[in-house]
Amino acid sequence: QVRVVESGGGLVQVGGALRLSCAYSGHAYVMSAMGWFRQAPGKEYEFVASIDWSLSVTKYADDVKGRFTISRRGTENTLYLEMTKLNPEDTAVYYCNTDPPRQSWGQGTQVTVSS
C-alpha cells in the first residue's frame, strides 16, 4: 500500500520560514524521484521541487530557487522542504508525490503567508 502524509504547514508572515515534512511508505516511492507540488485556490497543481532517488539531483521551480531546499532521508522514507523568505504567492496547499506525479495525492499541508 502506498501512502504519504504531509505536515509542517502553518501561518507565517512575509519573510518567514517553514519546514515541511512528508512521510511516505510503499515501494512506489522508494526508488522514485520525489517532489513537492502545491495548489493555490482555483489553480492547478504546480511543481515546486524534486530530488532523485540517489539524492544527487535536485530541481526547483524558478520562483523558489534560492529560497527553498528539498532534501530526502532515504533510511526514514521522509522528504523535506525547507522554505525561507516566504511571500504571499507561496500560499497554497503543499503535497508530495513522485516526480512526475503518478500516485494519488495525500491530504497536503496548508501554507499561508500573510502580508
Protein backbone atom coordinates (compact mmCIF):
# COMPACT_ATOMS: atom_id res chain seq x y z
CA GLN A 1 0.00 0.00 0.00
CA VAL A 2 1.35 3.39 -0.98
CA ARG A 3 0.75 6.34 1.29
CA VAL A 4 2.02 9.83 2.02
CA VAL A 5 1.43 12.10 4.99
CA GLU A 6 2.44 15.74 4.68
CA SER A 7 2.94 18.00 7.69
CA GLY A 8 4.60 21.19 8.85
CA GLY A 9 2.45 23.84 7.23
CA GLY A 10 1.05 26.85 9.03
CA LEU A 11 0.52 30.59 9.06
CA VAL A 12 3.64 32.70 8.69
CA GLN A 13 4.39 36.33 7.96
CA VAL A 14 6.12 37.59 4.85
CA GLY A 15 9.82 36.77 5.03
CA GLY A 16 9.27 33.90 7.41
CA ALA A 17 10.26 30.25 7.12
CA LEU A 18 8.70 26.82 7.43
CA ARG A 19 9.88 23.26 7.15
CA LEU A 20 7.55 20.75 5.55
CA SER A 21 7.82 17.00 6.00
CA CYS A 22 6.42 14.11 4.02
CA ALA A 23 6.41 10.59 5.38
CA TYR A 24 5.92 8.10 2.59
CA SER A 25 5.50 4.36 2.51
CA GLY A 26 5.27 1.91 -0.32
CA HIS A 27 7.68 0.59 -2.90
CA ALA A 28 6.38 3.01 -5.50
CA TYR A 29 8.14 5.86 -3.72
CA VAL A 30 11.37 4.29 -2.57
CA MET A 31 13.11 4.05 -5.94
CA SER A 32 11.45 7.10 -7.49
CA ALA A 33 12.31 10.75 -7.72
CA MET A 34 10.17 12.55 -5.14
CA GLY A 35 8.82 16.03 -5.40
CA TRP A 36 6.86 18.77 -3.73
CA PHE A 37 3.92 20.30 -5.51
CA ARG A 38 1.46 22.96 -4.49
CA GLN A 39 -2.05 24.04 -5.36
CA ALA A 40 -3.32 27.54 -4.74
CA PRO A 41 -7.08 28.19 -4.60
CA GLY A 42 -8.59 27.92 -8.06
CA LYS A 43 -5.33 26.84 -9.68
CA GLU A 44 -3.79 23.63 -10.97
CA TYR A 45 -1.12 21.62 -9.20
CA GLU A 46 2.25 23.31 -9.63
CA PHE A 47 5.71 21.77 -9.45
CA VAL A 48 7.88 23.19 -6.65
CA ALA A 49 10.96 20.98 -6.27
CA SER A 50 12.16 17.42 -6.69
CA ILE A 51 15.03 15.16 -5.71
CA ASP A 52 16.02 11.92 -7.37
CA TRP A 53 16.26 8.58 -5.57
CA SER A 54 20.06 8.70 -5.47
CA LEU A 55 19.87 12.09 -3.68
CA SER A 56 22.23 13.63 -6.19
CA VAL A 57 19.97 15.66 -8.45
CA THR A 58 17.60 18.39 -7.30
CA LYS A 59 15.32 20.58 -9.38
CA TYR A 60 13.43 23.73 -8.45
CA ALA A 61 10.77 25.90 -9.96
CA ASP A 62 12.21 29.26 -10.96
CA ASP A 63 10.23 31.22 -8.38
CA VAL A 64 11.53 29.19 -5.43
CA LYS A 65 15.18 28.85 -6.43
CA GLY A 66 17.44 30.21 -3.74
CA ARG A 67 14.62 30.22 -1.19
CA PHE A 68 13.53 26.58 -0.90
CA THR A 69 15.66 23.49 -0.30
CA ILE A 70 14.47 19.94 -0.85
CA SER A 71 16.06 17.01 0.93
CA ARG A 72 15.32 13.38 1.50
CA ARG A 73 16.19 10.92 4.24
CA GLY A 74 16.00 7.60 2.47
CA THR A 75 16.56 5.47 5.55
CA GLU A 76 13.46 7.01 7.12
CA ASN A 77 11.38 7.40 3.95
CA THR A 78 10.95 11.09 4.63
CA LEU A 79 11.01 14.07 2.29
CA TYR A 80 11.57 17.64 3.47
CA LEU A 81 11.13 21.12 2.09
CA GLU A 82 12.88 23.98 3.84
CA MET A 83 11.17 27.21 2.83
CA THR A 84 12.63 30.64 3.56
CA LYS A 85 11.82 34.22 2.54
CA LEU A 86 8.20 33.26 2.12
CA ASN A 87 5.89 35.62 0.27
CA PRO A 88 2.10 35.68 -0.26
CA GLU A 89 2.47 33.96 -3.65
CA ASP A 90 3.71 30.87 -1.79
CA THR A 91 0.31 30.46 -0.13
CA ALA A 92 -1.06 27.07 -1.18
CA VAL A 93 -1.64 23.51 -0.09
CA TYR A 94 1.63 21.63 -0.45
CA TYR A 95 1.76 17.98 -1.47
CA CYS A 96 4.46 15.40 -2.01
CA ASN A 97 4.35 12.77 -4.73
CA THR A 98 6.64 11.02 -7.13
CA ASP A 99 8.11 13.22 -9.84
CA PRO A 100 6.37 13.16 -12.20
CA PRO A 101 3.29 12.63 -10.01
CA ARG A 102 1.97 9.12 -10.53
CA GLN A 103 0.37 8.29 -7.20
CA SER A 104 -2.80 9.54 -5.54
CA TRP A 105 -2.48 12.87 -3.78
CA GLY A 106 -2.36 12.93 0.01
CA GLN A 107 -4.21 15.40 2.19
CA GLY A 108 -1.48 18.02 1.81
CA THR A 109 -0.42 20.67 4.30
CA GLN A 110 -1.63 24.26 4.17
CA VAL A 111 0.91 27.08 3.98
CA THR A 112 -0.44 30.60 4.41
CA VAL A 113 1.81 33.64 4.13
CA SER A 114 0.29 36.85 5.45
CA SER A 115 1.42 40.30 4.35
